[in-house]
PDB file of N, CA and C in Angstrom:
ATOM      1  N   UNK A   1     105.661  73.245  82.062  1.00  0.00           N
ATOM      2  CA  UNK A   1     106.218  74.056  83.130  1.00  0.00           C
ATOM      3  C   UNK A   1     105.091  74.767  83.879  1.00  0.00           C
ATOM      4  N   UNK A   2     105.399  75.127  85.111  1.00  0.00           N
ATOM      5  CA  UNK A   2     104.426  75.752  86.003  1.00  0.00           C
ATOM      6  C   UNK A   2     104.853  77.183  86.309  1.00  0.00           C
ATOM      7  N   UNK A   3     103.902  78.110  86.265  1.00  0.00           N
ATOM      8  CA  UNK A   3     104.203  79.479  86.660  1.00  0.00           C
ATOM      9  C   UNK A   3     103.942  79.632  88.154  1.00  0.00           C
ATOM     10  N   UNK A   4     104.632  80.587  88.758  1.00  0.00           N
ATOM     11  CA  UNK A   4     104.556  80.808  90.194  1.00  0.00           C
ATOM     12  C   UNK A   4     104.372  82.292  90.474  1.00  0.00           C
ATOM     13  N   UNK A   5     103.510  82.589  91.448  1.00  0.00           N
ATOM     14  CA  UNK A   5     103.373  83.963  91.923  1.00  0.00           C
ATOM     15  C   UNK A   5     103.177  83.948  93.425  1.00  0.00           C
ATOM     16  N   UNK A   6     103.395  85.119  94.047  1.00  0.00           N
ATOM     17  CA  UNK A   6     103.151  85.283  95.470  1.00  0.00           C
ATOM     18  C   UNK A   6     102.585  86.665  95.714  1.00  0.00           C
ATOM     19  N   UNK A   7     101.949  86.834  96.847  1.00  0.00           N
ATOM     20  CA  UNK A   7     101.365  88.115  97.254  1.00  0.00           C
ATOM     21  C   UNK A   7     101.463  88.155  98.768  1.00  0.00           C
ATOM     22  N   UNK A   8     102.138  89.168  99.310  1.00  0.00           N
ATOM     23  CA  UNK A   8     102.337  89.258 100.750  1.00  0.00           C
ATOM     24  C   UNK A   8     101.466  90.382 101.301  1.00  0.00           C
ATOM     25  N   UNK A   9     100.650  90.025 102.298  1.00  0.00           N
ATOM     26  CA  UNK A   9      99.779  90.999 102.947  1.00  0.00           C
ATOM     27  C   UNK A   9     100.184  91.159 104.409  1.00  0.00           C
ATOM     28  N   UNK A  10     100.385  92.398 104.809  1.00  0.00           N
ATOM     29  CA  UNK A  10     100.742  92.769 106.176  1.00  0.00           C
ATOM     30  C   UNK A  10      99.427  92.879 106.950  1.00  0.00           C
ATOM     31  N   UNK A  11      99.093  91.847 107.728  1.00  0.00           N
ATOM     32  CA  UNK A  11      97.808  91.830 108.431  1.00  0.00           C
ATOM     33  C   UNK A  11      97.825  92.715 109.681  1.00  0.00           C
ATOM     34  N   UNK A  12      98.993  93.100 110.142  1.00  0.00           N
ATOM     35  CA  UNK A  12      99.074  94.013 111.283  1.00  0.00           C
ATOM     36  C   UNK A  12      98.585  95.409 110.899  1.00  0.00           C
ATOM     37  N   UNK A  13      98.989  95.843 109.696  1.00  0.00           N
ATOM     38  CA  UNK A  13      98.647  97.186 109.244  1.00  0.00           C
ATOM     39  C   UNK A  13      97.512  97.205 108.222  1.00  0.00           C
ATOM     40  N   UNK A  14      97.080  96.025 107.774  1.00  0.00           N
ATOM     41  CA  UNK A  14      95.988  95.957 106.802  1.00  0.00           C
ATOM     42  C   UNK A  14      96.352  96.508 105.441  1.00  0.00           C
ATOM     43  N   UNK A  15      97.535  96.111 104.937  1.00  0.00           N
ATOM     44  CA  UNK A  15      98.000  96.624 103.643  1.00  0.00           C
ATOM     45  C   UNK A  15      98.955  95.621 102.996  1.00  0.00           C
ATOM     46  N   UNK A  16      99.234  95.804 101.701  1.00  0.00           N
ATOM     47  CA  UNK A  16     100.259  94.964 101.066  1.00  0.00           C
ATOM     48  C   UNK A  16     101.607  95.201 101.732  1.00  0.00           C
ATOM     49  N   UNK A  17     102.419  94.167 101.781  1.00  0.00           N
ATOM     50  CA  UNK A  17     103.744  94.249 102.396  1.00  0.00           C
ATOM     51  C   UNK A  17     104.761  94.646 101.329  1.00  0.00           C
ATOM     52  N   UNK A  18     104.864  95.939 101.065  1.00  0.00           N
ATOM     53  CA  UNK A  18     105.794  96.448 100.055  1.00  0.00           C
ATOM     54  C   UNK A  18     107.212  96.450 100.607  1.00  0.00           C
ATOM     55  N   UNK A  19     108.156  96.006  99.792  1.00  0.00           N
ATOM     56  CA  UNK A  19     109.564  96.046 100.169  1.00  0.00           C
ATOM     57  C   UNK A  19     110.060  94.865 100.973  1.00  0.00           C
ATOM     58  N   UNK A  20     109.295  93.769 101.015  1.00  0.00           N
ATOM     59  CA  UNK A  20     109.755  92.579 101.744  1.00  0.00           C
ATOM     60  C   UNK A  20     110.667  91.744 100.839  1.00  0.00           C
ATOM     61  N   UNK A  21     111.843  91.411 101.340  1.00  0.00           N
ATOM     62  CA  UNK A  21     112.786  90.562 100.613  1.00  0.00           C
ATOM     63  C   UNK A  21     112.309  89.112 100.662  1.00  0.00           C
ATOM     64  N   UNK A  22     112.570  88.380  99.581  1.00  0.00           N
ATOM     65  CA  UNK A  22     112.230  86.962  99.531  1.00  0.00           C
ATOM     66  C   UNK A  22     113.138  86.251  98.554  1.00  0.00           C
ATOM     67  N   UNK A  23     113.198  84.928  98.695  1.00  0.00           N
ATOM     68  CA  UNK A  23     113.919  84.141  97.709  1.00  0.00           C
ATOM     69  C   UNK A  23     113.249  82.785  97.553  1.00  0.00           C
ATOM     70  N   UNK A  24     113.516  82.170  96.405  1.00  0.00           N
ATOM     71  CA  UNK A  24     112.980  80.866  96.030  1.00  0.00           C
ATOM     72  C   UNK A  24     114.137  79.892  95.876  1.00  0.00           C
ATOM     73  N   UNK A  25     113.993  78.716  96.510  1.00  0.00           N
ATOM     74  CA  UNK A  25     115.024  77.677  96.410  1.00  0.00           C
ATOM     75  C   UNK A  25     114.426  76.391  95.882  1.00  0.00           C
ATOM     76  N   UNK A  26     115.271  75.582  95.246  1.00  0.00           N
ATOM     77  CA  UNK A  26     114.841  74.251  94.848  1.00  0.00           C
ATOM     78  C   UNK A  26     115.117  73.278  95.993  1.00  0.00           C
ATOM     79  N   UNK A  27     114.829  71.997  95.783  1.00  0.00           N
ATOM     80  CA  UNK A  27     114.975  70.987  96.844  1.00  0.00           C
ATOM     81  C   UNK A  27     116.419  70.836  97.318  1.00  0.00           C
ATOM     82  N   UNK A  28     117.377  71.167  96.475  1.00  0.00           N
ATOM     83  CA  UNK A  28     118.785  71.072  96.845  1.00  0.00           C
ATOM     84  C   UNK A  28     119.312  72.309  97.554  1.00  0.00           C
ATOM     85  N   UNK A  29     118.454  73.311  97.745  1.00  0.00           N
ATOM     86  CA  UNK A  29     118.872  74.536  98.419  1.00  0.00           C
ATOM     87  C   UNK A  29     119.479  75.580  97.507  1.00  0.00           C
ATOM     88  N   UNK A  30     119.442  75.333  96.194  1.00  0.00           N
ATOM     89  CA  UNK A  30     119.970  76.328  95.252  1.00  0.00           C
ATOM     90  C   UNK A  30     118.959  77.456  95.076  1.00  0.00           C
ATOM     91  N   UNK A  31     119.422  78.699  95.127  1.00  0.00           N
ATOM     92  CA  UNK A  31     118.550  79.856  94.946  1.00  0.00           C
ATOM     93  C   UNK A  31     118.220  80.009  93.465  1.00  0.00           C
ATOM     94  N   UNK A  32     116.926  79.996  93.158  1.00  0.00           N
ATOM     95  CA  UNK A  32     116.450  80.148  91.788  1.00  0.00           C
ATOM     96  C   UNK A  32     116.031  81.578  91.488  1.00  0.00           C
ATOM     97  N   UNK A  33     115.687  82.319  92.550  1.00  0.00           N
ATOM     98  CA  UNK A  33     115.188  83.682  92.387  1.00  0.00           C
ATOM     99  C   UNK A  33     115.336  84.416  93.713  1.00  0.00           C
ATOM    100  N   UNK A  34     115.681  85.680  93.649  1.00  0.00           N
ATOM    101  CA  UNK A  34     115.697  86.550  94.828  1.00  0.00           C
ATOM    102  C   UNK A  34     115.086  87.874  94.404  1.00  0.00           C
ATOM    103  N   UNK A  35     114.228  88.424  95.249  1.00  0.00           N
ATOM    104  CA  UNK A  35     113.581  89.671  94.884  1.00  0.00           C
ATOM    105  C   UNK A  35     112.962  90.364  96.074  1.00  0.00           C
ATOM    106  N   UNK A  36     112.136  91.345  95.766  1.00  0.00           N
ATOM    107  CA  UNK A  36     111.484  92.181  96.773  1.00  0.00           C
ATOM    108  C   UNK A  36     110.062  92.473  96.294  1.00  0.00           C
ATOM    109  N   UNK A  37     109.134  92.479  97.227  1.00  0.00           N
ATOM    110  CA  UNK A  37     107.745  92.769  96.853  1.00  0.00           C
ATOM    111  C   UNK A  37     107.599  94.226  96.423  1.00  0.00           C
ATOM    112  N   UNK A  38     106.687  94.437  95.486  1.00  0.00           N
ATOM    113  CA  UNK A  38     106.426  95.785  94.990  1.00  0.00           C
ATOM    114  C   UNK A  38     105.373  96.475  95.874  1.00  0.00           C
ATOM    115  N   UNK A  39     104.897  97.629  95.444  1.00  0.00           N
ATOM    116  CA  UNK A  39     103.939  98.413  96.235  1.00  0.00           C
ATOM    117  C   UNK A  39     102.644  97.660  96.502  1.00  0.00           C
ATOM    118  N   UNK A  40     102.320  96.686  95.652  1.00  0.00           N
ATOM    119  CA  UNK A  40     101.106  95.886  95.824  1.00  0.00           C
ATOM    120  C   UNK A  40     101.372  94.594  96.601  1.00  0.00           C
ATOM    121  N   UNK A  41     102.599  94.396  97.091  1.00  0.00           N
ATOM    122  CA  UNK A  41     102.940  93.193  97.839  1.00  0.00           C
ATOM    123  C   UNK A  41     103.210  91.986  96.961  1.00  0.00           C
ATOM    124  N   UNK A  42     103.358  92.203  95.667  1.00  0.00           N
ATOM    125  CA  UNK A  42     103.614  91.112  94.727  1.00  0.00           C
ATOM    126  C   UNK A  42     105.071  91.139  94.290  1.00  0.00           C
ATOM    127  N   UNK A  43     105.538  90.032  93.739  1.00  0.00           N
ATOM    128  CA  UNK A  43     106.930  89.929  93.309  1.00  0.00           C
ATOM    129  C   UNK A  43     106.974  89.366  91.891  1.00  0.00           C
ATOM    130  N   UNK A  44     106.942  90.248  90.895  1.00  0.00           N
ATOM    131  CA  UNK A  44     106.971  89.758  89.512  1.00  0.00           C
ATOM    132  C   UNK A  44     108.334  89.191  89.131  1.00  0.00           C
ATOM    133  N   UNK A  45     108.333  88.398  88.081  1.00  0.00           N
ATOM    134  CA  UNK A  45     109.581  87.889  87.530  1.00  0.00           C
ATOM    135  C   UNK A  45     110.032  86.540  88.037  1.00  0.00           C
ATOM    136  N   UNK A  46     109.162  85.841  88.762  1.00  0.00           N
ATOM    137  CA  UNK A  46     109.564  84.521  89.255  1.00  0.00           C
ATOM    138  C   UNK A  46     109.695  83.539  88.090  1.00  0.00           C
ATOM    139  N   UNK A  47     110.621  82.590  88.213  1.00  0.00           N
ATOM    140  CA  UNK A  47     110.855  81.650  87.107  1.00  0.00           C
ATOM    141  C   UNK A  47     109.754  80.592  87.009  1.00  0.00           C
ATOM    142  N   UNK A  48     109.676  79.976  85.843  1.00  0.00           N
ATOM    143  CA  UNK A  48     108.797  78.814  85.682  1.00  0.00           C
ATOM    144  C   UNK A  48     109.441  77.629  86.390  1.00  0.00           C
ATOM    145  N   UNK A  49     108.597  76.711  86.856  1.00  0.00           N
ATOM    146  CA  UNK A  49     109.081  75.582  87.649  1.00  0.00           C
ATOM    147  C   UNK A  49     108.684  74.252  87.031  1.00  0.00           C
ATOM    148  N   UNK A  50     109.565  73.281  87.148  1.00  0.00           N
ATOM    149  CA  UNK A  50     109.259  71.893  86.793  1.00  0.00           C
ATOM    150  C   UNK A  50     108.643  71.235  88.030  1.00  0.00           C
ATOM    151  N   UNK A  51     107.979  70.099  87.874  1.00  0.00           N
ATOM    152  CA  UNK A  51     107.478  69.399  89.064  1.00  0.00           C
ATOM    153  C   UNK A  51     108.621  69.126  90.052  1.00  0.00           C
ATOM    154  N   UNK A  52     108.324  69.282  91.330  1.00  0.00           N
ATOM    155  CA  UNK A  52     109.355  69.058  92.346  1.00  0.00           C
ATOM    156  C   UNK A  52     109.048  69.798  93.628  1.00  0.00           C
ATOM    157  N   UNK A  53     110.042  69.842  94.516  1.00  0.00           N
ATOM    158  CA  UNK A  53     109.921  70.501  95.820  1.00  0.00           C
ATOM    159  C   UNK A  53     110.651  71.840  95.779  1.00  0.00           C
ATOM    160  N   UNK A  54     110.040  72.844  96.393  1.00  0.00           N
ATOM    161  CA  UNK A  54     110.595  74.197  96.413  1.00  0.00           C
ATOM    162  C   UNK A  54     110.321  74.832  97.769  1.00  0.00           C
ATOM    163  N   UNK A  55     110.951  75.980  98.009  1.00  0.00           N
ATOM    164  CA  UNK A  55     110.677  76.745  99.227  1.00  0.00           C
ATOM    165  C   UNK A  55     110.795  78.231  98.919  1.00  0.00           C
ATOM    166  N   UNK A  56     109.836  78.986  99.411  1.00  0.00           N
ATOM    167  CA  UNK A  56     109.883  80.442  99.389  1.00  0.00           C
ATOM    168  C   UNK A  56     110.217  80.905 100.804  1.00  0.00           C
ATOM    169  N   UNK A  57     111.193  81.786 100.937  1.00  0.00           N
ATOM    170  CA  UNK A  57     111.559  82.331 102.234  1.00  0.00           C
ATOM    171  C   UNK A  57     111.336  83.839 102.201  1.00  0.00           C
ATOM    172  N   UNK A  58     110.607  84.333 103.194  1.00  0.00           N
ATOM    173  CA  UNK A  58     110.247  85.745 103.303  1.00  0.00           C
ATOM    174  C   UNK A  58     110.951  86.341 104.522  1.00  0.00           C
ATOM    175  N   UNK A  59     111.585  87.494 104.371  1.00  0.00           N
ATOM    176  CA  UNK A  59     112.346  88.140 105.436  1.00  0.00           C
ATOM    177  C   UNK A  59     111.390  89.049 106.223  1.00  0.00           C
ATOM    178  N   UNK A  60     110.687  88.449 107.164  1.00  0.00           N
ATOM    179  CA  UNK A  60     109.580  89.088 107.871  1.00  0.00           C
ATOM    180  C   UNK A  60     110.051  90.098 108.916  1.00  0.00           C
ATOM    181  N   UNK A  61     110.985  89.722 109.776  1.00  0.00           N
ATOM    182  CA  UNK A  61     111.394  90.612 110.868  1.00  0.00           C
ATOM    183  C   UNK A  61     111.985  91.920 110.336  1.00  0.00           C
ATOM    184  N   UNK A  62     112.824  91.835 109.322  1.00  0.00           N
ATOM    185  CA  UNK A  62     113.411  93.060 108.758  1.00  0.00           C
ATOM    186  C   UNK A  62     112.333  93.964 108.188  1.00  0.00           C
ATOM    187  N   UNK A  63     111.320  93.378 107.548  1.00  0.00           N
ATOM    188  CA  UNK A  63     110.222  94.166 107.003  1.00  0.00           C
ATOM    189  C   UNK A  63     109.501  94.930 108.117  1.00  0.00           C
ATOM    190  N   UNK A  64     109.112  94.238 109.192  1.00  0.00           N
ATOM    191  CA  UNK A  64     108.374  94.895 110.273  1.00  0.00           C
ATOM    192  C   UNK A  64     109.252  95.899 111.020  1.00  0.00           C
ATOM    193  N   UNK A  65     110.520  95.597 111.217  1.00  0.00           N
ATOM    194  CA  UNK A  65     111.423  96.554 111.863  1.00  0.00           C
ATOM    195  C   UNK A  65     111.533  97.825 111.025  1.00  0.00           C
ATOM    196  N   UNK A  66     111.653  97.677 109.704  1.00  0.00           N
ATOM    197  CA  UNK A  66     111.731  98.842 108.819  1.00  0.00           C
ATOM    198  C   UNK A  66     110.434  99.651 108.832  1.00  0.00           C
ATOM    199  N   UNK A  67     109.312  98.984 109.144  1.00  0.00           N
ATOM    200  CA  UNK A  67     108.018  99.668 109.235  1.00  0.00           C
ATOM    201  C   UNK A  67     107.823 100.339 110.593  1.00  0.00           C
ATOM    202  N   UNK A  68     108.832 100.254 111.469  1.00  0.00           N
ATOM    203  CA  UNK A  68     108.762 100.919 112.754  1.00  0.00           C
ATOM    204  C   UNK A  68     108.137 100.113 113.873  1.00  0.00           C
ATOM    205  N   UNK A  69     107.951  98.816 113.646  1.00  0.00           N
ATOM    206  CA  UNK A  69     107.362  97.957 114.673  1.00  0.00           C
ATOM    207  C   UNK A  69     108.452  97.545 115.666  1.00  0.00           C
ATOM    208  N   UNK A  70     108.182  97.737 116.956  1.00  0.00           N
ATOM    209  CA  UNK A  70     109.127  97.302 117.994  1.00  0.00           C
ATOM    210  C   UNK A  70     109.000  95.787 118.145  1.00  0.00           C
ATOM    211  N   UNK A  71     110.073  95.086 117.850  1.00  0.00           N
ATOM    212  CA  UNK A  71     110.085  93.626 117.917  1.00  0.00           C
ATOM    213  C   UNK A  71     110.929  93.164 119.099  1.00  0.00           C
ATOM    214  N   UNK A  72     110.572  92.011 119.699  1.00  0.00           N
ATOM    215  CA  UNK A  72     111.431  91.468 120.752  1.00  0.00           C
ATOM    216  C   UNK A  72     112.759  91.017 120.151  1.00  0.00           C
ATOM    217  N   UNK A  73     113.743  90.807 121.008  1.00  0.00           N
ATOM    218  CA  UNK A  73     115.044  90.336 120.543  1.00  0.00           C
ATOM    219  C   UNK A  73     115.349  88.989 121.192  1.00  0.00           C
ATOM    220  N   UNK A  74     115.341  87.909 120.459  1.00  0.00           N
ATOM    221  CA  UNK A  74     115.112  87.842 119.020  1.00  0.00           C
ATOM    222  C   UNK A  74     113.621  87.937 118.690  1.00  0.00           C
ATOM    223  N   UNK A  75     113.312  88.316 117.438  1.00  0.00           N
ATOM    224  CA  UNK A  75     111.905  88.382 117.047  1.00  0.00           C
ATOM    225  C   UNK A  75     111.274  86.988 117.014  1.00  0.00           C
ATOM    226  N   UNK A  76     109.971  86.936 117.266  1.00  0.00           N
ATOM    227  CA  UNK A  76     109.259  85.653 117.210  1.00  0.00           C
ATOM    228  C   UNK A  76     109.369  85.046 115.814  1.00  0.00           C
ATOM    229  N   UNK A  77     109.074  85.823 114.788  1.00  0.00           N
ATOM    230  CA  UNK A  77     109.241  85.378 113.401  1.00  0.00           C
ATOM    231  C   UNK A  77     110.383  86.177 112.782  1.00  0.00           C
ATOM    232  N   UNK A  78     111.441  85.492 112.389  1.00  0.00           N
ATOM    233  CA  UNK A  78     112.537  86.133 111.668  1.00  0.00           C
ATOM    234  C   UNK A  78     112.257  86.027 110.187  1.00  0.00           C
ATOM    235  N   UNK A  79     112.541  84.854 109.649  1.00  0.00           N
ATOM    236  CA  UNK A  79     112.202  84.516 108.265  1.00  0.00           C
ATOM    237  C   UNK A  79     111.072  83.494 108.302  1.00  0.00           C
ATOM    238  N   UNK A  80     110.167  83.597 107.349  1.00  0.00           N
ATOM    239  CA  UNK A  80     109.113  82.597 107.185  1.00  0.00           C
ATOM    240  C   UNK A  80     109.439  81.794 105.931  1.00  0.00           C
ATOM    241  N   UNK A  81     109.594  80.483 106.106  1.00  0.00           N
ATOM    242  CA  UNK A  81     109.914  79.587 104.988  1.00  0.00           C
ATOM    243  C   UNK A  81     108.695  78.731 104.698  1.00  0.00           C
ATOM    244  N   UNK A  82     108.252  78.777 103.449  1.00  0.00           N
ATOM    245  CA  UNK A  82     107.118  77.964 103.023  1.00  0.00           C
ATOM    246  C   UNK A  82     107.640  76.924 102.039  1.00  0.00           C
ATOM    247  N   UNK A  83     107.676  75.684 102.479  1.00  0.00           N
ATOM    248  CA  UNK A  83     108.092  74.580 101.617  1.00  0.00           C
ATOM    249  C   UNK A  83     106.844  74.039 100.931  1.00  0.00           C
ATOM    250  N   UNK A  84     106.907  73.859  99.620  1.00  0.00           N
ATOM    251  CA  UNK A  84     105.739  73.406  98.868  1.00  0.00           C
ATOM    252  C   UNK A  84     106.171  72.534  97.701  1.00  0.00           C
ATOM    253  N   UNK A  85     105.238  71.756  97.195  1.00  0.00           N
ATOM    254  CA  UNK A  85     105.497  70.886  96.064  1.00  0.00           C
ATOM    255  C   UNK A  85     104.706  71.312  94.849  1.00  0.00           C
ATOM    256  N   UNK A  86     105.307  71.146  93.687  1.00  0.00           N
ATOM    257  CA  UNK A  86     104.653  71.389  92.405  1.00  0.00           C
ATOM    258  C   UNK A  86     104.459  70.031  91.751  1.00  0.00           C
ATOM    259  N   UNK A  87     103.197  69.649  91.558  1.00  0.00           N
ATOM    260  CA  UNK A  87     102.901  68.322  91.031  1.00  0.00           C
ATOM    261  C   UNK A  87     102.562  68.325  89.547  1.00  0.00           C
ATOM    262  N   UNK A  88     102.112  69.457  89.053  1.00  0.00           N
ATOM    263  CA  UNK A  88     101.649  69.495  87.668  1.00  0.00           C
ATOM    264  C   UNK A  88     101.878  70.870  87.075  1.00  0.00           C
ATOM    265  N   UNK A  89     101.545  71.011  85.805  1.00  0.00           N
ATOM    266  CA  UNK A  89     101.669  72.305  85.143  1.00  0.00           C
ATOM    267  C   UNK A  89     100.581  73.256  85.594  1.00  0.00           C
ATOM    268  N   UNK A  90     100.497  74.379  84.951  1.00  0.00           N
ATOM    269  CA  UNK A  90      99.491  75.359  85.309  1.00  0.00           C
ATOM    270  C   UNK A  90     100.110  76.484  86.106  1.00  0.00           C
ATOM    271  N   UNK A  91      99.362  76.972  87.090  1.00  0.00           N
ATOM    272  CA  UNK A  91      99.834  78.098  87.887  1.00  0.00           C
ATOM    273  C   UNK A  91      99.708  77.798  89.371  1.00  0.00           C
ATOM    274  N   UNK A  92     100.749  78.122  90.127  1.00  0.00           N
ATOM    275  CA  UNK A  92     100.737  78.012  91.579  1.00  0.00           C
ATOM    276  C   UNK A  92     100.880  79.418  92.152  1.00  0.00           C
ATOM    277  N   UNK A  93      99.957  79.787  93.020  1.00  0.00           N
ATOM    278  CA  UNK A  93     100.022  81.067  93.721  1.00  0.00           C
ATOM    279  C   UNK A  93     100.205  80.751  95.196  1.00  0.00           C
ATOM    280  N   UNK A  94     101.287  81.270  95.791  1.00  0.00           N
ATOM    281  CA  UNK A  94     101.612  80.994  97.187  1.00  0.00           C
ATOM    282  C   UNK A  94     101.611  82.326  97.946  1.00  0.00           C
ATOM    283  N   UNK A  95     100.454  82.728  98.471  1.00  0.00           N
ATOM    284  CA  UNK A  95     100.388  83.993  99.200  1.00  0.00           C
ATOM    285  C   UNK A  95     100.850  83.825 100.649  1.00  0.00           C
ATOM    286  N   UNK A  96     101.216  84.951 101.251  1.00  0.00           N
ATOM    287  CA  UNK A  96     101.592  84.979 102.660  1.00  0.00           C
ATOM    288  C   UNK A  96     100.835  86.111 103.334  1.00  0.00           C
ATOM    289  N   UNK A  97     100.065  85.780 104.357  1.00  0.00           N
ATOM    290  CA  UNK A  97      99.410  86.765 105.213  1.00  0.00           C
ATOM    291  C   UNK A  97     100.196  86.746 106.507  1.00  0.00           C
ATOM    292  N   UNK A  98     100.756  87.903 106.921  1.00  0.00           N
ATOM    293  CA  UNK A  98     101.735  87.871 108.004  1.00  0.00           C
ATOM    294  C   UNK A  98     101.632  89.077 108.934  1.00  0.00           C
ATOM    295  N   UNK A  99     101.910  88.811 110.208  1.00  0.00           N
ATOM    296  CA  UNK A  99     102.096  89.837 111.236  1.00  0.00           C
ATOM    297  C   UNK A  99     103.382  89.461 111.965  1.00  0.00           C
ATOM    298  N   UNK A 100     103.839  90.239 112.935  1.00  0.00           N
ATOM    299  CA  UNK A 100     105.064  89.856 113.639  1.00  0.00           C
ATOM    300  C   UNK A 100     104.948  88.559 114.450  1.00  0.00           C
ATOM    301  N   UNK A 101     103.707  88.087 114.699  1.00  0.00           N
ATOM    302  CA  UNK A 101     103.529  86.923 115.565  1.00  0.00           C
ATOM    303  C   UNK A 101     102.729  85.771 114.947  1.00  0.00           C
ATOM    304  N   UNK A 102     102.351  85.900 113.676  1.00  0.00           N
ATOM    305  CA  UNK A 102     101.556  84.834 113.052  1.00  0.00           C
ATOM    306  C   UNK A 102     101.635  84.963 111.533  1.00  0.00           C
ATOM    307  N   UNK A 103     101.408  83.816 110.859  1.00  0.00           N
ATOM    308  CA  UNK A 103     101.305  83.852 109.404  1.00  0.00           C
ATOM    309  C   UNK A 103     100.391  82.729 108.934  1.00  0.00           C
ATOM    310  N   UNK A 104      99.916  82.902 107.699  1.00  0.00           N
ATOM    311  CA  UNK A 104      99.055  81.916 107.062  1.00  0.00           C
ATOM    312  C   UNK A 104      99.386  81.890 105.576  1.00  0.00           C
ATOM    313  N   UNK A 105      99.211  80.723 104.975  1.00  0.00           N
ATOM    314  CA  UNK A 105      99.422  80.583 103.549  1.00  0.00           C
ATOM    315  C   UNK A 105      98.441  79.540 103.018  1.00  0.00           C
ATOM    316  N   UNK A 106      98.330  79.447 101.718  1.00  0.00           N
ATOM    317  CA  UNK A 106      97.474  78.481 101.054  1.00  0.00           C
ATOM    318  C   UNK A 106      97.858  78.448  99.589  1.00  0.00           C
ATOM    319  N   UNK A 107      97.343  77.487  98.853  1.00  0.00           N
ATOM    320  CA  UNK A 107      97.557  77.495  97.409  1.00  0.00           C
ATOM    321  C   UNK A 107      96.415  78.275  96.779  1.00  0.00           C
ATOM    322  N   UNK A 108      96.725  79.418  96.250  1.00  0.00           N
ATOM    323  CA  UNK A 108      95.726  80.270  95.610  1.00  0.00           C
ATOM    324  C   UNK A 108      95.646  79.995  94.128  1.00  0.00           C
ATOM    325  N   UNK A 109      94.961  80.861  93.441  1.00  0.00           N
ATOM    326  CA  UNK A 109      94.800  80.696  91.989  1.00  0.00           C
ATOM    327  C   UNK A 109      95.347  81.894  91.242  1.00  0.00           C
TER     328      UNK A 109
END
């Protein structure tokens, strides 16, 4: 089995994105986990994964609106969905660096 972690960084404010809602789905769209980032922008308690396809969805617009950022209607980024594959055991780290108008991700360690 593979362990999974994420870390969300608010690049607009230069800080961890505390309080961002997210969920994890399998390839069939079933929700495996739903949670919220902690003060460090991390989300502990994610389940172990078997090889396969998954997606993490981050509720970006609500996070920035709650932080007092004036967003257009509709916002450029509402939810950010990162679809990824797990090919082997070990650990997968899927971070998100995000602002109201851009995001980046990669496979971390």
